């Protein structure tokens, strides 16, 4: 019974994520989630009590995967700014391809219309970026004028704004290709040596990331 309940909750969550990503919060009903999942509306209410509840679950489940993703990029043998760039490509991939990540991002943008307090994902990413920038400073890769915490706040906001606008104007298929353009403009402003680098290549640097 527990396994069946977990399977039901998962199917509801995945159906809701696809619908929220495609249609937004206001454009998705409990009946839509029921129809997409092949479960009854009573099943939706049994597991999540309300549409707000399932929206919150989608955001929490999507954001729960991000700390594990960030932990993949801790290999100290790879320059920290290179790890930061590669991690950004992974985030862009998730924003383009993963329904939970896409739904979480859209629901966060629409949070004022949802009667539930959604978690703030940017605290996590700002902390992760601050840590990588601090490591870059320690290794001599960061320009002397760059302050890790303040720069991390700016980079995170600029990056997610760039992703949102790129998808809106060019489609999500273009998102991953555009990230290199963003870094080519951004990296010279923070590097101690602003000459061209190879950091924009989206290669794997984390042994535990899979793929």
Protein backbone atom coordinates (compact mmCIF):
# COMPACT_ATOMS: atom_id res chain seq x y z
CA UNK A 1 0.00 0.00 0.00
CA UNK A 2 2.82 2.39 0.82
CA UNK A 3 4.49 1.68 -2.51
CA UNK A 4 1.19 2.24 -4.32
CA UNK A 5 0.68 5.52 -2.48
CA UNK A 6 4.20 6.68 -3.41
CA UNK A 7 3.57 5.78 -7.04
CA UNK A 8 0.30 7.72 -7.01
CA UNK A 9 1.88 10.78 -5.43
CA UNK A 10 4.71 10.65 -7.95
CA UNK A 11 2.39 10.39 -10.95
CA UNK A 12 0.33 13.33 -9.65
CA UNK A 13 3.47 15.37 -9.04
CA UNK A 14 4.87 14.71 -12.51
CA UNK A 15 1.54 15.45 -14.20
CA UNK A 16 1.16 18.67 -12.24
CA UNK A 17 4.74 19.71 -13.04
CA UNK A 18 4.19 19.29 -16.78
CA UNK A 19 0.95 21.28 -16.64
CA UNK A 20 2.32 24.06 -14.45
CA UNK A 21 5.37 24.37 -16.73
CA UNK A 22 3.17 24.53 -19.84
CA UNK A 23 0.17 26.52 -18.63
CA UNK A 24 1.16 28.21 -15.37
CA UNK A 25 -0.63 28.06 -12.04
CA UNK A 26 -3.82 29.87 -13.04
CA UNK A 27 -4.06 27.89 -16.28
CA UNK A 28 -3.98 24.52 -14.51
CA UNK A 29 -6.91 22.99 -12.62
CA UNK A 30 -7.17 19.98 -10.34
CA UNK A 31 -9.24 18.31 -13.05
CA UNK A 32 -6.40 18.93 -15.52
CA UNK A 33 -3.96 17.24 -13.14
CA UNK A 34 -6.40 14.38 -12.63
CA UNK A 35 -6.83 13.86 -16.37
CA UNK A 36 -3.12 14.14 -17.14
CA UNK A 37 -2.15 11.66 -14.43
CA UNK A 38 -4.99 9.20 -15.05
CA UNK A 39 -6.00 9.48 -11.38
CA UNK A 40 -9.24 10.77 -9.89
CA UNK A 41 -9.59 14.29 -8.56
CA UNK A 42 -10.35 12.68 -5.20
CA UNK A 43 -6.89 11.13 -5.35
CA UNK A 44 -5.36 14.57 -5.92
CA UNK A 45 -7.12 15.98 -2.87
CA UNK A 46 -6.29 12.92 -0.76
CA UNK A 47 -2.57 13.30 -1.34
CA UNK A 48 -2.20 17.10 -1.59
CA UNK A 49 -5.40 18.64 -0.10
CA UNK A 50 -5.45 21.56 -2.59
CA UNK A 51 -3.98 22.95 -5.79
CA UNK A 52 -1.78 25.19 -3.65
CA UNK A 53 -0.54 22.09 -1.87
CA UNK A 54 0.48 20.33 -5.04
CA UNK A 55 2.10 23.51 -6.39
CA UNK A 56 4.17 23.75 -3.21
CA UNK A 57 5.11 20.07 -3.50
CA UNK A 58 6.24 20.57 -7.10
CA UNK A 59 8.47 23.49 -6.11
CA UNK A 60 9.91 21.68 -3.09
CA UNK A 61 10.60 18.51 -5.08
CA UNK A 62 12.25 20.41 -7.89
CA UNK A 63 14.43 22.51 -5.64
CA UNK A 64 15.34 19.46 -3.54
CA UNK A 65 17.43 18.15 -6.44
CA UNK A 66 19.52 21.31 -6.72
CA UNK A 67 21.77 20.89 -3.65
CA UNK A 68 22.79 17.45 -4.93
CA UNK A 69 23.59 18.98 -8.30
CA UNK A 70 25.72 21.68 -6.68
CA UNK A 71 27.60 19.06 -4.63
CA UNK A 72 28.67 17.36 -7.85
CA UNK A 73 30.94 20.31 -8.56
CA UNK A 74 33.35 20.21 -5.65
CA UNK A 75 36.44 18.79 -7.36
CA UNK A 76 39.22 21.06 -6.09
CA UNK A 77 41.52 19.96 -8.94
CA UNK A 78 39.30 21.92 -11.36
CA UNK A 79 39.45 25.76 -11.21
CA UNK A 80 36.44 27.07 -9.25
CA UNK A 81 35.29 29.44 -11.99
CA UNK A 82 35.31 26.57 -14.46
CA UNK A 83 33.13 24.59 -12.05
CA UNK A 84 30.79 27.57 -11.79
CA UNK A 85 30.45 27.85 -15.57
CA UNK A 86 29.84 24.12 -16.03
CA UNK A 87 27.28 24.14 -13.24
CA UNK A 88 25.47 27.00 -14.98
CA UNK A 89 25.19 24.86 -18.10
CA UNK A 90 23.63 22.08 -16.03
CA UNK A 91 21.10 24.52 -14.58
CA UNK A 92 20.29 25.77 -18.08
CA UNK A 93 19.80 22.17 -19.23
CA UNK A 94 17.39 21.53 -16.36
CA UNK A 95 15.48 24.75 -17.07
CA UNK A 96 15.13 23.69 -20.71
CA UNK A 97 14.43 19.98 -20.29
CA UNK A 98 13.31 19.00 -16.77
CA UNK A 99 9.60 19.50 -16.09
CA UNK A 100 10.00 19.81 -12.31
CA UNK A 101 12.69 22.47 -12.66
CA UNK A 102 10.69 24.33 -15.29
CA UNK A 103 7.51 24.16 -13.22
CA UNK A 104 9.34 25.32 -10.12
CA UNK A 105 10.78 28.31 -11.93
CA UNK A 106 7.40 29.28 -13.41
CA UNK A 107 5.55 28.84 -10.14
CA UNK A 108 8.15 30.95 -8.34
CA UNK A 109 7.63 33.69 -10.92
CA UNK A 110 3.86 33.43 -10.34
CA UNK A 111 4.12 33.13 -6.55
CA UNK A 112 1.95 36.21 -5.90
CA UNK A 113 -1.03 34.33 -7.37
CA UNK A 114 -0.51 31.26 -5.15
CA UNK A 115 -1.88 31.13 -1.63
CA UNK A 116 1.16 29.31 -0.27
CA UNK A 117 4.65 30.37 0.78
CA UNK A 118 7.08 29.00 -1.78
CA UNK A 119 10.72 28.38 -0.84
CA UNK A 120 13.30 30.83 -2.17
CA UNK A 121 15.76 28.93 -4.41
CA UNK A 122 18.12 31.85 -4.81
CA UNK A 123 19.48 31.65 -1.27
CA UNK A 124 20.96 28.25 -2.09
CA UNK A 125 22.48 29.35 -5.38
CA UNK A 126 23.85 32.60 -4.00
CA UNK A 127 25.59 30.66 -1.24
CA UNK A 128 27.03 28.16 -3.73
CA UNK A 129 28.26 30.90 -6.06
CA UNK A 130 29.74 32.87 -3.16
CA UNK A 131 31.70 29.79 -2.12
CA UNK A 132 33.06 29.21 -5.63
CA UNK A 133 34.02 32.87 -6.01
CA UNK A 134 35.79 32.80 -2.65
CA UNK A 135 37.73 29.74 -3.81
CA UNK A 136 38.58 31.56 -7.04
CA UNK A 137 39.92 34.48 -5.02
CA UNK A 138 42.03 32.12 -2.92
CA UNK A 139 43.45 30.48 -6.05
CA UNK A 140 44.24 33.85 -7.65
CA UNK A 141 41.69 33.62 -10.48
CA UNK A 142 39.40 36.41 -9.25
CA UNK A 143 40.05 40.09 -9.92
CA UNK A 144 41.12 42.00 -6.80
CA UNK A 145 38.11 44.35 -6.87
CA UNK A 146 35.52 41.54 -6.94
CA UNK A 147 33.73 40.85 -3.65
CA UNK A 148 32.46 37.24 -3.63
CA UNK A 149 29.16 37.75 -1.74
CA UNK A 150 28.04 40.89 -3.55
CA UNK A 151 29.13 39.52 -6.93
CA UNK A 152 27.33 36.22 -6.28
CA UNK A 153 24.06 38.06 -5.65
CA UNK A 154 24.42 39.94 -8.93
CA UNK A 155 25.47 36.90 -10.96
CA UNK A 156 22.59 34.74 -9.73
CA UNK A 157 19.98 37.39 -10.46
CA UNK A 158 21.48 38.24 -13.84
CA UNK A 159 21.80 34.58 -14.82
CA UNK A 160 18.21 33.64 -14.06
CA UNK A 161 16.94 36.82 -15.68
CA UNK A 162 18.97 35.99 -18.76
CA UNK A 163 17.53 32.47 -18.86
CA UNK A 164 13.96 33.74 -18.49
CA UNK A 165 14.28 36.35 -21.22
CA UNK A 166 16.16 34.03 -23.59
CA UNK A 167 13.42 31.42 -23.36
CA UNK A 168 10.71 34.04 -23.85
CA UNK A 169 12.36 35.54 -26.95
CA UNK A 170 14.16 32.58 -28.53
CA UNK A 171 12.53 29.47 -27.10
CA UNK A 172 13.89 27.05 -24.54
CA UNK A 173 15.81 25.10 -27.21
CA UNK A 174 18.12 28.10 -27.58
CA UNK A 175 18.83 28.46 -23.88
CA UNK A 176 21.81 26.15 -23.49
CA UNK A 177 23.57 27.60 -26.53
CA UNK A 178 23.17 31.16 -25.24
CA UNK A 179 24.85 30.50 -21.87
CA UNK A 180 28.32 30.60 -23.44
CA UNK A 181 27.51 34.03 -24.87
CA UNK A 182 26.55 35.23 -21.39
CA UNK A 183 29.79 33.98 -19.83
CA UNK A 184 31.94 35.43 -22.61
CA UNK A 185 30.56 38.82 -21.62
CA UNK A 186 30.60 38.22 -17.85
CA UNK A 187 33.86 36.41 -17.14
CA UNK A 188 36.26 39.20 -18.21
CA UNK A 189 34.67 41.44 -15.57
CA UNK A 190 35.58 39.11 -12.72
CA UNK A 191 38.74 37.30 -13.83
CA UNK A 192 42.15 38.39 -12.60
CA UNK A 193 43.39 37.69 -16.13
CA UNK A 194 40.61 38.73 -18.55
CA UNK A 195 42.22 37.14 -21.60
CA UNK A 196 40.12 34.49 -23.42
CA UNK A 197 39.55 31.31 -21.40
CA UNK A 198 38.19 27.83 -22.08
CA UNK A 199 35.71 28.08 -19.21
CA UNK A 200 32.71 28.39 -21.51
CA UNK A 201 32.87 24.78 -22.70
CA UNK A 202 30.13 22.74 -20.96
CA UNK A 203 32.20 19.74 -19.93
CA UNK A 204 31.63 17.51 -16.91
CA UNK A 205 33.75 18.26 -13.87
CA UNK A 206 31.92 16.31 -11.19
CA UNK A 207 32.62 12.59 -10.85
CA UNK A 208 29.31 11.98 -9.08
CA UNK A 209 27.07 13.81 -11.53
CA UNK A 210 26.35 10.89 -13.77
CA UNK A 211 25.96 11.11 -17.54
